[in-house]
């Protein structure tokens, strides 16, 4: 990164989901955002990640990847609208630890398609 070269040691307690960076507990107040927007952003990001993998791993060009994303936008909005009123028991699971592991993975040296 140009303006941030920090690489803190991130630890996550699997029992309490507490996150510590260099031993310091990381906390924040809940964000004041619309839940609909959060669902749409989360589903959009998940879809983009899958399409990006397809672009890299199969003969699917970037333009075709964008066409797939454009074709799925309506479905993303529909699924987000359907999921928004659901309770925690209906949603199934969460991926906080997978997201943190993904962030840690981004700082590793070797990448899949390194030039």
C-alpha atoms as a PDB file:
ATOM      1  CA  UNK A   1       0.000   0.000   0.000  1.00  0.00           C
ATOM      2  CA  UNK A   2       1.200   3.499  -0.727  1.00  0.00           C
ATOM      3  CA  UNK A   3       0.055   5.252   2.464  1.00  0.00           C
ATOM      4  CA  UNK A   4      -0.281   2.352   4.900  1.00  0.00           C
ATOM      5  CA  UNK A   5       2.453  -0.216   5.273  1.00  0.00           C
ATOM      6  CA  UNK A   6       1.294  -1.400   8.706  1.00  0.00           C
ATOM      7  CA  UNK A   7       1.038  -5.163   9.145  1.00  0.00           C
ATOM      8  CA  UNK A   8      -0.351  -5.677  12.647  1.00  0.00           C
ATOM      9  CA  UNK A   9      -0.516  -9.099  14.252  1.00  0.00           C
ATOM     10  CA  UNK A  10      -4.262  -9.855  14.190  1.00  0.00           C
ATOM     11  CA  UNK A  11      -5.659 -12.352  16.703  1.00  0.00           C
ATOM     12  CA  UNK A  12      -9.287 -13.498  16.895  1.00  0.00           C
ATOM     13  CA  UNK A  13     -10.760 -15.293  19.897  1.00  0.00           C
ATOM     14  CA  UNK A  14     -13.046 -17.970  18.380  1.00  0.00           C
ATOM     15  CA  UNK A  15     -15.085 -18.169  21.591  1.00  0.00           C
ATOM     16  CA  UNK A  16     -15.896 -14.465  21.985  1.00  0.00           C
ATOM     17  CA  UNK A  17     -15.107 -13.134  18.456  1.00  0.00           C
ATOM     18  CA  UNK A  18     -12.924 -10.450  20.058  1.00  0.00           C
ATOM     19  CA  UNK A  19     -10.369  -9.066  17.624  1.00  0.00           C
ATOM     20  CA  UNK A  20      -6.980  -7.782  18.768  1.00  0.00           C
ATOM     21  CA  UNK A  21      -4.376  -5.974  16.672  1.00  0.00           C
ATOM     22  CA  UNK A  22      -0.908  -6.110  18.207  1.00  0.00           C
ATOM     23  CA  UNK A  23      -2.542  -7.144  21.483  1.00  0.00           C
ATOM     24  CA  UNK A  24      -4.960  -4.190  21.603  1.00  0.00           C
ATOM     25  CA  UNK A  25      -8.700  -4.962  21.628  1.00  0.00           C
ATOM     26  CA  UNK A  26     -10.404  -3.489  18.561  1.00  0.00           C
ATOM     27  CA  UNK A  27     -13.901  -2.134  19.178  1.00  0.00           C
ATOM     28  CA  UNK A  28     -16.299   0.261  17.518  1.00  0.00           C
ATOM     29  CA  UNK A  29     -19.844   1.517  17.839  1.00  0.00           C
ATOM     30  CA  UNK A  30     -22.455  -0.046  15.553  1.00  0.00           C
ATOM     31  CA  UNK A  31     -22.681   1.768  12.243  1.00  0.00           C
ATOM     32  CA  UNK A  32     -25.823   3.737  11.497  1.00  0.00           C
ATOM     33  CA  UNK A  33     -26.531   2.383   8.000  1.00  0.00           C
ATOM     34  CA  UNK A  34     -29.579   1.008   6.270  1.00  0.00           C
ATOM     35  CA  UNK A  35     -29.700  -2.770   6.495  1.00  0.00           C
ATOM     36  CA  UNK A  36     -30.912  -3.008   2.887  1.00  0.00           C
ATOM     37  CA  UNK A  37     -27.739  -1.302   1.696  1.00  0.00           C
ATOM     38  CA  UNK A  38     -25.585  -3.658   3.777  1.00  0.00           C
ATOM     39  CA  UNK A  39     -27.280  -6.732   2.280  1.00  0.00           C
ATOM     40  CA  UNK A  40     -26.896  -5.427  -1.269  1.00  0.00           C
ATOM     41  CA  UNK A  41     -23.230  -4.516  -0.729  1.00  0.00           C
ATOM     42  CA  UNK A  42     -22.445  -7.890   0.869  1.00  0.00           C
ATOM     43  CA  UNK A  43     -24.143  -9.905  -1.863  1.00  0.00           C
ATOM     44  CA  UNK A  44     -22.596  -7.750  -4.585  1.00  0.00           C
ATOM     45  CA  UNK A  45     -19.096  -8.223  -3.120  1.00  0.00           C
ATOM     46  CA  UNK A  46     -19.611 -11.987  -2.798  1.00  0.00           C
ATOM     47  CA  UNK A  47     -20.808 -12.198  -6.414  1.00  0.00           C
ATOM     48  CA  UNK A  48     -17.883 -10.111  -7.678  1.00  0.00           C
ATOM     49  CA  UNK A  49     -15.436 -12.412  -5.873  1.00  0.00           C
ATOM     50  CA  UNK A  50     -16.922 -15.478  -7.549  1.00  0.00           C
ATOM     51  CA  UNK A  51     -16.896 -13.820 -10.959  1.00  0.00           C
ATOM     52  CA  UNK A  52     -13.278 -12.692 -10.459  1.00  0.00           C
ATOM     53  CA  UNK A  53     -12.293 -16.276  -9.722  1.00  0.00           C
ATOM     54  CA  UNK A  54     -14.053 -17.336 -12.914  1.00  0.00           C
ATOM     55  CA  UNK A  55     -12.252 -14.686 -14.942  1.00  0.00           C
ATOM     56  CA  UNK A  56      -8.883 -15.913 -13.610  1.00  0.00           C
ATOM     57  CA  UNK A  57      -9.463 -19.657 -13.686  1.00  0.00           C
ATOM     58  CA  UNK A  58     -11.557 -20.338 -16.801  1.00  0.00           C
ATOM     59  CA  UNK A  59     -11.596 -18.798 -20.260  1.00  0.00           C
ATOM     60  CA  UNK A  60     -13.983 -16.002 -19.235  1.00  0.00           C
ATOM     61  CA  UNK A  61     -12.835 -12.550 -20.273  1.00  0.00           C
ATOM     62  CA  UNK A  62     -13.293  -9.424 -18.187  1.00  0.00           C
ATOM     63  CA  UNK A  63     -16.024  -8.120 -20.470  1.00  0.00           C
ATOM     64  CA  UNK A  64     -17.953 -11.393 -20.121  1.00  0.00           C
ATOM     65  CA  UNK A  65     -17.434 -11.225 -16.357  1.00  0.00           C
ATOM     66  CA  UNK A  66     -19.018  -7.759 -16.323  1.00  0.00           C
ATOM     67  CA  UNK A  67     -21.912  -9.045 -18.415  1.00  0.00           C
ATOM     68  CA  UNK A  68     -22.500 -11.827 -15.876  1.00  0.00           C
ATOM     69  CA  UNK A  69     -22.464  -9.302 -13.031  1.00  0.00           C
ATOM     70  CA  UNK A  70     -24.892  -7.015 -14.859  1.00  0.00           C
ATOM     71  CA  UNK A  71     -27.218  -9.955 -15.486  1.00  0.00           C
ATOM     72  CA  UNK A  72     -27.166 -10.878 -11.776  1.00  0.00           C
ATOM     73  CA  UNK A  73     -27.813  -7.373 -10.374  1.00  0.00           C
ATOM     74  CA  UNK A  74     -31.599  -7.868 -10.353  1.00  0.00           C
ATOM     75  CA  UNK A  75     -31.253 -11.175  -8.537  1.00  0.00           C
ATOM     76  CA  UNK A  76     -28.860  -9.601  -6.014  1.00  0.00           C
ATOM     77  CA  UNK A  77     -31.448  -6.908  -5.234  1.00  0.00           C
ATOM     78  CA  UNK A  78     -34.241  -9.491  -4.953  1.00  0.00           C
ATOM     79  CA  UNK A  79     -32.257 -11.742  -2.605  1.00  0.00           C
ATOM     80  CA  UNK A  80     -31.199  -8.761  -0.465  1.00  0.00           C
ATOM     81  CA  UNK A  81     -34.812  -7.594  -0.186  1.00  0.00           C
ATOM     82  CA  UNK A  82     -35.911 -11.119   0.783  1.00  0.00           C
ATOM     83  CA  UNK A  83     -33.124 -11.582   3.353  1.00  0.00           C
ATOM     84  CA  UNK A  84     -33.446  -8.203   5.069  1.00  0.00           C
ATOM     85  CA  UNK A  85     -36.383  -9.047   7.391  1.00  0.00           C
ATOM     86  CA  UNK A  86     -34.967 -12.485   8.259  1.00  0.00           C
ATOM     87  CA  UNK A  87     -33.870 -13.180  11.820  1.00  0.00           C
ATOM     88  CA  UNK A  88     -30.568 -14.687  12.868  1.00  0.00           C
ATOM     89  CA  UNK A  89     -32.093 -18.168  13.130  1.00  0.00           C
ATOM     90  CA  UNK A  90     -33.182 -17.977   9.488  1.00  0.00           C
ATOM     91  CA  UNK A  91     -29.871 -16.739   8.096  1.00  0.00           C
ATOM     92  CA  UNK A  92     -27.734 -19.715   9.023  1.00  0.00           C
ATOM     93  CA  UNK A  93     -24.165 -18.563   9.554  1.00  0.00           C
ATOM     94  CA  UNK A  94     -21.666 -15.744   9.457  1.00  0.00           C
ATOM     95  CA  UNK A  95     -18.257 -15.371   7.881  1.00  0.00           C
ATOM     96  CA  UNK A  96     -16.381 -12.926  10.120  1.00  0.00           C
ATOM     97  CA  UNK A  97     -13.433 -15.269  10.608  1.00  0.00           C
ATOM     98  CA  UNK A  98     -13.314 -16.107   6.891  1.00  0.00           C
ATOM     99  CA  UNK A  99     -13.242 -12.373   6.105  1.00  0.00           C
ATOM    100  CA  UNK A 100     -10.388 -11.813   8.571  1.00  0.00           C
ATOM    101  CA  UNK A 101      -8.496 -14.801   7.148  1.00  0.00           C
ATOM    102  CA  UNK A 102      -8.990 -13.354   3.664  1.00  0.00           C
ATOM    103  CA  UNK A 103      -7.577 -10.001   4.785  1.00  0.00           C
ATOM    104  CA  UNK A 104      -4.539 -11.765   6.267  1.00  0.00           C
ATOM    105  CA  UNK A 105      -4.129 -13.726   3.030  1.00  0.00           C
ATOM    106  CA  UNK A 106      -3.908 -10.487   1.039  1.00  0.00           C
ATOM    107  CA  UNK A 107      -0.674  -9.572   2.849  1.00  0.00           C
ATOM    108  CA  UNK A 108       1.120 -12.803   1.903  1.00  0.00           C
ATOM    109  CA  UNK A 109       3.916 -12.621  -0.666  1.00  0.00           C
ATOM    110  CA  UNK A 110       3.093 -15.406  -3.131  1.00  0.00           C
ATOM    111  CA  UNK A 111      -0.021 -14.898  -5.258  1.00  0.00           C
ATOM    112  CA  UNK A 112      -1.718 -17.280  -7.699  1.00  0.00           C
ATOM    113  CA  UNK A 113      -0.953 -15.428 -10.940  1.00  0.00           C
ATOM    114  CA  UNK A 114       2.214 -13.542 -10.032  1.00  0.00           C
ATOM    115  CA  UNK A 115       4.030 -11.996 -13.054  1.00  0.00           C
END
